[in-house]
Amino acid sequence: MAISVFDIFRVGIGPSSSHTVGPMRAAGRFIEALKRRNLLEKAVRIRVDFMGSLGATGIGHSTDTAFVLGLCGFSPETVDVEKAPKIVEEIKSSHSLPLAGSRSIVFDWKKDISFSPEKICRFHTNALDVVAMGSKGELLYTRRYYSVGGGFVVAGAEGAADSVEVPASMRIVALPYRFRSMSDIIVFAERDGLSVPEIIRRNERVWRSDEEIDRELDHVWDVMKSCMELGFKHEGELPGPWHVLRRAAGMKRRLEQIDIKKEPMAVIDWVQACAFASGEENAAGGRIVTAPTNGSAGVIPAVLQYYERFIPNASRKGIRDFLLTAGAVGILFKTNGSISGAEVGCQGEVGVACSMAAAGLTAVLGGSVYQIENAAEIGIEHNLGLTCDPVAGQVQIPCIERNAMAAGQAIAASRLALCGNGKHYVSLDEAIHTMLETGRDMCNKYKETSTGGLAVCIVEC
């Protein structure tokens, strides 16, 4: 299965890649399936059942809203985040949904959407069953989809929903550097005298020209920057029952009054403020880049901002190389581990983002392939066992602060790796395997179900 760095870095909307972006894409795929079977015009009712983690925290993550917008024909990349709430309210009040943006069908929000957290599917806990019915109540078509993290969606095989179909876009293609592990990348780098971003760029040329690669990388960074800028402008409360106040704007105002030459540690304050800005925009349902998920989307932008703002001679090429290197590490976690909080806890989201950011920063600071591998390993090693226990099922507490802490951790991991020669005892490949095994051992209440940990401590107190 060939994965591009642009599968890891995807433009979408908040607050969750697995619970918002994935379900919206699943709805779009269901519509396309109806079209291929000439069933779209016959469908008069559509129902969906969100299971497992989607059922447990779907309301807090706006899973129902995202899915319905997907049925309307919107995509995570282009949906107008300002107009979306009004569209949703109109559907709720009118009990009418413009299917695929055209013909309206009856849609009762409370009856046609169900949440079943007790249903845990064997392939993945983030599962949803979708049903289309005809004018006489007959079943026209049904399909199961799995939102497996980072906005990735796979469809259950027809007739065997607990196995999946691999889409054509994800099937094997002839990559010049087919790697399965970090060890493979190290071998290629030594053999051919290439840097990590050069190796990844050569793979990306299978899908895009160099000009297109650069344009897409620049777009990713531009969206990240725009997200931070909006986060620094917006104030007030975030959506949800706990009335969480936005802090990024106030942090920025304070930092603008500080002379960094007199208070050097303010650099870290800036990094954390950037992570807060992204995290708050994501929590509010704004435009975001999965990095590798929405819940961890504040780490890499904050570290990239650190590079651009505080590293002498930072360049656009450096930003591109950072993203290519970070993307390579993300591909390794996606291939050999998991980037789904519902599957392995937050070690698979914020932990992976920390590892990716550490690798990217080390690459643009002149680190060798061994130091890059070391930095990535440090980044994940000290996030092993990290739980995913969002309060009220929302990416606010502890997610926003967790992104800020991980951004600082990534910089520390890079600096620690650059102090050495890259030699260390635990490899990145071994750490990824350990993360996956740790996630499998982790109790389900700590894997994005909001039934344990911090998610219940506030209520209990």
Protein backbone atom coordinates (compact mmCIF):
# COMPACT_ATOMS: atom_id res chain seq x y z
CA MET A 1 0.00 0.00 0.00
CA ALA A 2 1.55 3.28 -1.13
CA ILE A 3 0.94 6.31 1.08
CA SER A 4 1.84 9.86 0.08
CA VAL A 5 2.87 12.61 2.48
CA PHE A 6 -0.26 14.38 1.23
CA ASP A 7 -2.31 11.54 2.69
CA ILE A 8 -0.73 12.41 6.04
CA PHE A 9 -1.11 16.19 5.63
CA ARG A 10 -4.70 16.78 4.51
CA VAL A 11 -6.64 20.01 4.59
CA GLY A 12 -9.96 19.57 6.39
CA ILE A 13 -12.09 20.93 9.21
CA GLY A 14 -12.11 20.52 12.97
CA PRO A 15 -12.51 19.21 15.49
CA SER A 16 -11.44 15.65 14.63
CA SER A 17 -9.91 13.88 11.66
CA SER A 18 -11.30 10.47 12.64
CA HIS A 19 -14.64 11.66 14.04
CA THR A 20 -15.36 14.63 11.75
CA VAL A 21 -13.28 14.50 8.55
CA GLY A 22 -13.54 10.71 8.18
CA PRO A 23 -17.35 10.52 8.55
CA MET A 24 -17.78 13.40 6.10
CA ARG A 25 -15.65 11.51 3.57
CA ALA A 26 -17.59 8.31 4.30
CA ALA A 27 -20.85 10.10 3.49
CA GLY A 28 -19.36 11.30 0.22
CA ARG A 29 -18.26 7.78 -0.66
CA PHE A 30 -21.76 6.47 0.10
CA ILE A 31 -23.27 9.05 -2.26
CA GLU A 32 -20.81 8.05 -4.98
CA ALA A 33 -21.71 4.38 -4.45
CA LEU A 34 -25.40 5.21 -4.90
CA LYS A 35 -24.61 7.09 -8.11
CA ARG A 36 -22.61 4.19 -9.55
CA ARG A 37 -25.53 1.86 -8.90
CA ASN A 38 -28.13 4.31 -10.29
CA LEU A 39 -29.80 4.39 -6.88
CA LEU A 40 -29.37 8.05 -5.94
CA GLU A 41 -32.69 9.15 -7.49
CA LYS A 42 -34.50 6.22 -5.86
CA ALA A 43 -33.26 6.93 -2.34
CA VAL A 44 -35.82 8.75 -0.19
CA ARG A 45 -34.31 8.14 3.24
CA ILE A 46 -30.80 7.63 4.60
CA ARG A 47 -29.94 6.43 8.07
CA VAL A 48 -26.61 6.08 9.84
CA ASP A 49 -25.47 4.30 12.98
CA PHE A 50 -22.22 5.48 14.60
CA MET A 51 -20.57 2.68 16.57
CA GLY A 52 -17.76 2.24 19.07
CA SER A 53 -15.74 5.39 19.67
CA LEU A 54 -17.77 7.26 17.04
CA GLY A 55 -20.85 6.45 19.08
CA ALA A 56 -19.22 7.33 22.41
CA THR A 57 -17.80 10.75 21.51
CA GLY A 58 -19.54 11.51 18.22
CA ILE A 59 -21.70 14.35 19.51
CA GLY A 60 -18.75 16.14 21.11
CA HIS A 61 -16.73 15.72 17.92
CA SER A 62 -19.57 16.89 15.62
CA THR A 63 -19.61 13.51 13.89
CA ASP A 64 -23.31 13.73 13.08
CA THR A 65 -22.95 17.23 11.67
CA ALA A 66 -19.98 16.26 9.50
CA PHE A 67 -21.73 13.19 8.11
CA VAL A 68 -24.85 15.13 7.19
CA LEU A 69 -22.77 17.81 5.46
CA GLY A 70 -21.10 15.00 3.52
CA LEU A 71 -24.53 13.74 2.40
CA CYS A 72 -25.20 17.28 1.15
CA GLY A 73 -22.18 17.02 -1.12
CA PHE A 74 -19.64 18.98 0.91
CA SER A 75 -16.05 17.84 1.35
CA PRO A 76 -13.68 18.54 4.28
CA GLU A 77 -11.27 20.40 2.01
CA THR A 78 -13.74 22.93 0.64
CA VAL A 79 -16.77 23.18 2.96
CA ASP A 80 -17.42 26.75 4.08
CA VAL A 81 -16.85 26.57 7.83
CA GLU A 82 -18.72 29.85 8.35
CA LYS A 83 -21.88 28.79 6.48
CA ALA A 84 -21.98 25.16 7.65
CA PRO A 85 -23.75 25.79 11.00
CA LYS A 86 -26.63 27.60 9.26
CA ILE A 87 -27.02 24.76 6.75
CA VAL A 88 -27.19 22.24 9.60
CA GLU A 89 -29.82 24.27 11.48
CA GLU A 90 -31.97 24.48 8.35
CA ILE A 91 -31.83 20.69 7.93
CA LYS A 92 -32.77 20.15 11.57
CA SER A 93 -35.69 22.56 11.50
CA SER A 94 -37.08 21.60 8.08
CA HIS A 95 -36.50 17.81 8.39
CA SER A 96 -35.31 18.03 4.80
CA LEU A 97 -31.83 17.28 3.42
CA PRO A 98 -30.55 18.32 -0.04
CA LEU A 99 -29.06 14.96 -1.04
CA ALA A 100 -25.81 15.51 -2.96
CA GLY A 101 -26.69 19.21 -3.01
CA SER A 102 -29.74 18.76 -5.24
CA ARG A 103 -32.89 16.69 -4.61
CA SER A 104 -34.31 17.00 -1.09
CA ILE A 105 -35.23 13.96 0.97
CA VAL A 106 -36.92 13.62 4.35
CA PHE A 107 -34.37 13.61 7.15
CA ASP A 108 -35.19 13.43 10.84
CA TRP A 109 -32.01 14.19 12.77
CA LYS A 110 -33.09 12.29 15.90
CA LYS A 111 -34.51 9.24 14.12
CA ASP A 112 -32.13 8.87 11.19
CA ILE A 113 -28.93 9.23 13.24
CA SER A 114 -28.15 6.76 16.01
CA PHE A 115 -25.19 6.36 18.36
CA SER A 116 -24.21 2.86 19.50
CA PRO A 117 -21.03 3.00 21.60
CA GLU A 118 -21.66 -0.56 22.79
CA LYS A 119 -21.14 -1.93 19.27
CA ILE A 120 -17.41 -2.60 18.86
CA CYS A 121 -16.55 -3.82 15.38
CA ARG A 122 -13.71 -6.26 14.98
CA PHE A 123 -11.76 -4.41 12.28
CA HIS A 124 -11.77 -0.98 13.96
CA THR A 125 -13.77 0.74 16.68
CA ASN A 126 -14.51 3.81 14.50
CA ALA A 127 -17.26 2.22 12.42
CA LEU A 128 -20.47 3.51 10.88
CA ASP A 129 -23.27 1.68 9.06
CA VAL A 130 -25.17 3.61 6.40
CA VAL A 131 -28.50 2.57 4.89
CA ALA A 132 -30.43 3.97 1.92
CA MET A 133 -34.13 3.16 1.57
CA GLY A 134 -36.66 3.53 -1.22
CA SER A 135 -40.18 5.00 -1.37
CA LYS A 136 -41.79 1.82 0.00
CA GLY A 137 -39.32 1.51 2.86
CA GLU A 138 -37.33 -1.15 1.03
CA LEU A 139 -33.57 -1.47 1.47
CA LEU A 140 -31.74 -0.10 -1.55
CA TYR A 141 -28.16 -0.23 -0.38
CA THR A 142 -26.14 -0.52 2.84
CA ARG A 143 -22.45 -0.14 3.53
CA ARG A 144 -20.12 -0.05 6.52
CA TYR A 145 -17.23 2.39 6.69
CA TYR A 146 -14.29 2.63 9.07
CA SER A 147 -12.65 5.94 9.97
CA VAL A 148 -9.20 4.66 10.84
CA GLY A 149 -7.45 7.88 11.89
CA GLY A 150 -6.05 10.96 10.20
CA GLY A 151 -9.10 11.25 7.94
CA PHE A 152 -8.40 7.88 6.30
CA VAL A 153 -11.57 5.94 5.47
CA VAL A 154 -11.94 2.35 4.28
CA ALA A 155 -15.14 0.62 3.26
CA GLY A 156 -16.26 -2.70 4.64
CA ALA A 157 -16.37 -5.38 1.98
CA GLU A 158 -19.87 -6.06 0.69
CA GLY A 159 -21.19 -9.20 2.32
CA ALA A 160 -18.34 -9.23 4.84
CA ALA A 161 -18.35 -5.84 6.56
CA ASP A 162 -15.62 -6.76 9.07
CA SER A 163 -13.13 -7.10 6.23
CA VAL A 164 -12.29 -4.12 4.05
CA GLU A 165 -11.78 -3.22 0.44
CA VAL A 166 -8.55 -1.44 -0.44
CA PRO A 167 -9.33 1.50 -2.74
CA ALA A 168 -7.48 1.71 -6.03
CA SER A 169 -5.71 4.90 -4.91
CA MET A 170 -4.07 2.99 -2.06
CA ARG A 171 -2.95 -0.08 -3.99
CA ILE A 172 0.64 -0.88 -4.83
CA VAL A 173 2.40 1.52 -7.19
CA ALA A 174 6.00 1.41 -8.36
CA LEU A 175 7.84 3.73 -5.97
CA PRO A 176 11.57 4.26 -6.54
CA TYR A 177 12.15 3.92 -2.79
CA ARG A 178 9.67 1.47 -1.33
CA PHE A 179 10.29 1.52 2.41
CA ARG A 180 8.56 -0.35 5.16
CA SER A 181 10.74 0.81 8.05
CA MET A 182 13.11 3.55 9.12
CA SER A 183 15.89 1.02 8.66
CA ASP A 184 15.00 0.90 4.96
CA ILE A 185 15.24 4.68 4.69
CA ILE A 186 18.65 4.64 6.38
CA VAL A 187 19.89 2.01 3.90
CA PHE A 188 18.66 4.05 0.93
CA ALA A 189 20.21 7.25 2.31
CA GLU A 190 23.61 5.61 2.82
CA ARG A 191 23.59 3.69 -0.45
CA ASP A 192 22.56 6.59 -2.71
CA GLY A 193 23.90 9.55 -0.73
CA LEU A 194 20.45 11.13 -0.38
CA SER A 195 18.82 13.02 2.46
CA VAL A 196 15.48 11.90 3.87
CA PRO A 197 13.49 14.69 2.14
CA GLU A 198 15.22 13.87 -1.15
CA ILE A 199 14.16 10.22 -0.85
CA ILE A 200 10.56 11.17 -0.10
CA ARG A 201 10.47 13.73 -2.91
CA ARG A 202 11.54 11.07 -5.41
CA ASN A 203 8.66 8.90 -4.26
CA GLU A 204 6.22 11.80 -4.51
CA ARG A 205 7.23 12.29 -8.15
CA VAL A 206 5.23 9.14 -8.94
CA TRP A 207 2.09 11.22 -8.36
CA ARG A 208 3.21 14.82 -8.97
CA SER A 209 5.85 16.96 -10.66
CA ASP A 210 8.36 18.88 -8.51
CA GLU A 211 6.37 22.05 -9.14
CA GLU A 212 3.17 20.37 -7.98
CA ILE A 213 4.91 18.90 -4.93
CA ASP A 214 6.21 22.33 -3.93
CA ARG A 215 2.83 23.94 -4.55
CA GLU A 216 1.06 21.35 -2.38
CA LEU A 217 3.65 21.65 0.40
CA ASP A 218 3.36 25.43 0.32
CA HIS A 219 -0.43 25.12 0.48
CA VAL A 220 -0.18 22.88 3.55
CA TRP A 221 2.01 25.43 5.30
CA ASP A 222 -0.17 28.35 4.21
CA VAL A 223 -3.26 26.66 5.70
CA MET A 224 -1.35 25.93 8.90
CA LYS A 225 -0.25 29.55 9.17
CA SER A 226 -3.73 30.86 8.42
CA CYS A 227 -5.11 28.61 11.14
CA MET A 228 -2.64 30.01 13.68
CA GLU A 229 -3.36 33.59 12.61
CA LEU A 230 -7.10 33.07 13.09
CA GLY A 231 -6.46 31.42 16.43
CA PHE A 232 -4.58 34.50 17.58
CA LYS A 233 -7.44 36.78 16.48
CA HIS A 234 -10.42 34.93 17.90
CA GLU A 235 -11.37 35.27 21.56
CA GLY A 236 -14.23 34.20 23.78
CA GLU A 237 -15.49 30.71 24.57
CA LEU A 238 -15.05 27.49 22.65
CA PRO A 239 -18.19 25.42 21.91
CA GLY A 240 -19.24 22.95 24.57
CA PRO A 241 -20.60 22.51 28.06
CA TRP A 242 -17.47 23.58 29.96
CA HIS A 243 -17.26 27.11 28.48
CA VAL A 244 -13.52 26.77 27.84
CA LEU A 245 -11.95 30.17 27.18
CA ARG A 246 -9.64 30.77 24.25
CA ARG A 247 -6.17 31.66 25.48
CA ALA A 248 -4.02 32.09 22.35
CA ALA A 249 -4.88 35.76 21.72
CA GLY A 250 -4.02 36.74 25.29
CA MET A 251 -0.81 34.72 25.18
CA LYS A 252 0.23 36.55 22.02
CA ARG A 253 -0.49 39.99 23.50
CA ARG A 254 1.66 39.18 26.52
CA LEU A 255 4.51 37.83 24.40
CA GLU A 256 4.55 40.91 22.18
CA GLN A 257 5.54 42.92 25.26
CA ILE A 258 8.52 40.70 26.06
CA ASP A 259 12.10 41.23 24.87
CA ILE A 260 13.29 37.73 24.00
CA LYS A 261 16.92 38.80 24.41
CA LYS A 262 16.18 39.48 28.07
CA GLU A 263 13.90 36.47 28.53
CA PRO A 264 15.10 33.69 26.17
CA MET A 265 12.61 31.13 27.48
CA ALA A 266 9.86 33.24 25.91
CA VAL A 267 10.76 31.40 22.69
CA ILE A 268 9.10 28.29 24.16
CA ASP A 269 6.15 30.45 25.20
CA TRP A 270 5.76 31.50 21.56
CA VAL A 271 5.85 27.86 20.45
CA GLN A 272 3.17 26.92 22.95
CA ALA A 273 1.04 29.91 21.98
CA CYS A 274 1.16 28.79 18.35
CA ALA A 275 0.05 25.30 19.35
CA PHE A 276 -2.81 26.83 21.35
CA ALA A 277 -3.88 28.95 18.36
CA SER A 278 -4.13 25.89 16.10
CA GLY A 279 -5.76 23.75 18.77
CA GLU A 280 -8.42 26.34 19.54
CA GLU A 281 -9.30 26.82 15.88
CA ASN A 282 -9.58 23.06 15.47
CA ALA A 283 -11.79 22.77 18.56
CA ALA A 284 -14.05 25.47 17.11
CA GLY A 285 -14.46 23.55 13.84
CA GLY A 286 -12.13 25.74 11.78
CA ARG A 287 -9.97 24.93 8.75
CA ILE A 288 -7.12 22.66 9.80
CA VAL A 289 -4.42 20.36 8.43
CA THR A 290 -4.26 16.80 9.76
CA ALA A 291 -0.75 16.43 11.18
CA PRO A 292 -1.18 13.50 11.37
CA THR A 293 -4.66 14.01 12.93
CA ASN A 294 -6.79 16.99 13.87
CA GLY A 295 -6.45 16.29 17.58
CA SER A 296 -2.67 16.65 17.20
CA ALA A 297 -2.71 19.34 14.52
CA GLY A 298 -1.13 22.02 16.71
CA VAL A 299 2.27 20.38 17.18
CA ILE A 300 3.86 20.54 13.73
CA PRO A 301 2.65 24.09 12.87
CA ALA A 302 4.05 25.35 16.18
CA VAL A 303 7.45 23.73 15.61
CA LEU A 304 7.51 24.95 12.01
CA GLN A 305 6.75 28.45 13.25
CA TYR A 306 9.65 28.11 15.68
CA TYR A 307 11.91 27.19 12.74
CA GLU A 308 10.69 30.07 10.56
CA ARG A 309 10.70 32.70 13.31
CA PHE A 310 13.75 31.85 15.40
CA ILE A 311 16.21 29.88 13.26
CA PRO A 312 18.62 32.03 11.23
CA ASN A 313 18.51 31.44 7.45
CA ALA A 314 15.18 29.59 7.63
CA SER A 315 13.79 29.21 4.12
CA ARG A 316 10.81 28.02 2.13
CA LYS A 317 12.92 25.05 1.01
CA GLY A 318 13.57 24.26 4.66
CA ILE A 319 9.84 24.27 5.38
CA ARG A 320 9.25 21.90 2.48
CA ASP A 321 12.04 19.57 3.64
CA PHE A 322 10.63 19.67 7.17
CA LEU A 323 7.22 18.56 5.90
CA LEU A 324 8.66 15.84 3.66
CA THR A 325 10.71 14.43 6.53
CA ALA A 326 7.86 14.66 9.03
CA GLY A 327 5.58 13.07 6.45
CA ALA A 328 7.96 10.13 6.06
CA VAL A 329 7.80 9.45 9.79
CA GLY A 330 4.01 9.78 9.69
CA ILE A 331 3.88 7.18 6.91
CA LEU A 332 5.91 4.78 9.08
CA PHE A 333 3.49 5.16 11.98
CA LYS A 334 0.48 4.80 9.69
CA THR A 335 1.96 1.68 8.08
CA ASN A 336 3.39 -0.09 11.13
CA GLY A 337 1.50 1.39 14.06
CA SER A 338 -1.56 3.59 14.24
CA ILE A 339 -2.52 7.26 14.18
CA SER A 340 -5.94 6.63 15.69
CA GLY A 341 -6.64 7.71 19.26
CA ALA A 342 -9.59 5.33 19.30
CA GLU A 343 -7.24 2.46 18.53
CA VAL A 344 -4.08 3.20 20.54
CA GLY A 345 -4.79 6.29 22.64
CA CYS A 346 -3.24 9.72 22.25
CA GLN A 347 0.23 8.26 21.85
CA GLY A 348 -0.95 7.60 18.28
CA GLU A 349 -1.93 11.24 17.77
CA VAL A 350 0.03 13.75 19.84
CA GLY A 351 2.83 11.22 20.37
CA VAL A 352 3.19 10.66 16.64
CA ALA A 353 2.98 14.40 15.92
CA CYS A 354 5.79 14.98 18.41
CA SER A 355 7.91 12.32 16.69
CA MET A 356 7.19 13.76 13.24
CA ALA A 357 7.98 17.32 14.31
CA ALA A 358 11.23 16.26 16.00
CA ALA A 359 12.35 14.50 12.83
CA GLY A 360 11.40 17.41 10.56
CA LEU A 361 13.20 19.97 12.72
CA THR A 362 16.32 17.82 12.97
CA ALA A 363 16.44 17.47 9.19
CA VAL A 364 16.32 21.22 8.52
CA LEU A 365 18.89 21.91 11.27
CA GLY A 366 21.39 19.77 9.39
CA GLY A 367 20.98 16.47 11.23
CA SER A 368 22.14 13.21 9.67
CA VAL A 369 19.70 10.42 8.87
CA TYR A 370 20.80 8.78 12.14
CA GLN A 371 20.08 11.92 14.14
CA ILE A 372 16.70 12.29 12.43
CA GLU A 373 15.84 8.71 13.37
CA ASN A 374 17.06 9.33 16.92
CA ALA A 375 14.96 12.50 17.28
CA ALA A 376 11.83 10.74 16.01
CA GLU A 377 12.41 7.86 18.43
CA ILE A 378 12.86 10.22 21.38
CA GLY A 379 9.67 12.02 20.40
CA ILE A 380 7.51 8.89 20.56
CA GLU A 381 9.38 7.08 23.36
CA HIS A 382 8.39 9.66 25.94
CA ASN A 383 4.76 9.66 24.85
CA LEU A 384 4.28 5.90 25.10
CA GLY A 385 1.12 5.03 26.99
CA LEU A 386 -0.43 8.47 26.51
CA THR A 387 -4.19 8.14 26.95
CA CYS A 388 -6.95 9.67 24.85
CA ASP A 389 -9.53 10.82 27.40
CA PRO A 390 -11.22 13.99 26.05
CA VAL A 391 -13.52 15.70 28.52
CA ALA A 392 -17.10 15.82 27.22
CA GLY A 393 -15.88 14.07 24.07
CA GLN A 394 -14.33 17.31 22.80
CA VAL A 395 -10.79 18.18 21.70
CA GLN A 396 -10.37 20.91 24.34
CA ILE A 397 -9.35 19.35 27.65
CA PRO A 398 -6.63 18.06 27.71
CA CYS A 399 -5.98 18.15 23.97
CA ILE A 400 -5.04 21.80 23.41
CA GLU A 401 -2.51 21.98 26.25
CA ARG A 402 -1.23 18.55 25.27
CA ASN A 403 -0.36 19.87 21.80
CA ALA A 404 1.51 22.78 23.37
CA MET A 405 3.51 20.49 25.63
CA ALA A 406 4.34 18.12 22.76
CA ALA A 407 5.58 20.99 20.57
CA GLY A 408 8.14 21.92 23.22
CA GLN A 409 8.97 18.25 23.64
CA ALA A 410 9.65 17.90 19.91
CA ILE A 411 12.14 20.77 19.97
CA ALA A 412 13.84 19.24 23.02
CA ALA A 413 13.99 15.84 21.27
CA SER A 414 15.62 17.40 18.22
CA ARG A 415 18.20 19.28 20.28
CA LEU A 416 18.99 16.15 22.27
CA ALA A 417 19.49 14.13 19.08
CA LEU A 418 21.70 16.83 17.55
CA CYS A 419 23.90 16.70 20.66
CA GLY A 420 24.77 13.10 19.81
CA ASN A 421 25.91 11.17 16.77
CA GLY A 422 22.65 9.31 16.20
CA LYS A 423 23.70 6.13 17.98
CA HIS A 424 21.19 4.91 20.55
CA TYR A 425 19.69 1.70 21.90
CA VAL A 426 15.99 1.70 20.96
CA SER A 427 15.30 2.19 17.25
CA LEU A 428 12.36 4.14 15.87
CA ASP A 429 11.05 0.92 14.32
CA GLU A 430 11.10 -0.79 17.71
CA ALA A 431 9.41 2.22 19.34
CA ILE A 432 6.62 2.17 16.74
CA HIS A 433 6.04 -1.54 17.40
CA THR A 434 6.03 -0.84 21.15
CA MET A 435 3.46 1.93 20.69
CA LEU A 436 1.15 -0.42 18.81
CA GLU A 437 1.47 -3.15 21.43
CA THR A 438 0.94 -0.63 24.23
CA GLY A 439 -2.21 0.58 22.51
CA ARG A 440 -3.54 -2.96 22.19
CA ASP A 441 -2.97 -3.50 25.93
CA MET A 442 -4.59 -0.19 26.87
CA CYS A 443 -8.04 -0.31 28.45
CA ASN A 444 -10.76 0.89 26.06
CA LYS A 445 -11.90 3.63 28.43
CA TYR A 446 -8.62 5.41 27.70
CA LYS A 447 -9.06 5.23 23.91
CA GLU A 448 -11.32 8.13 22.87
CA THR A 449 -14.47 6.89 24.55
CA SER A 450 -14.62 9.60 27.25
CA THR A 451 -15.41 6.92 29.85
CA GLY A 452 -12.20 7.11 31.87
CA GLY A 453 -9.29 9.25 32.99
CA LEU A 454 -9.63 13.03 32.77
CA ALA A 455 -12.90 12.63 30.89
CA VAL A 456 -14.66 11.57 34.08
CA CYS A 457 -12.56 13.23 36.79
CA ILE A 458 -14.19 16.65 36.36
CA VAL A 459 -17.67 15.16 36.59
CA GLU A 460 -16.66 13.09 39.63
CA CYS A 461 -15.20 16.13 41.41
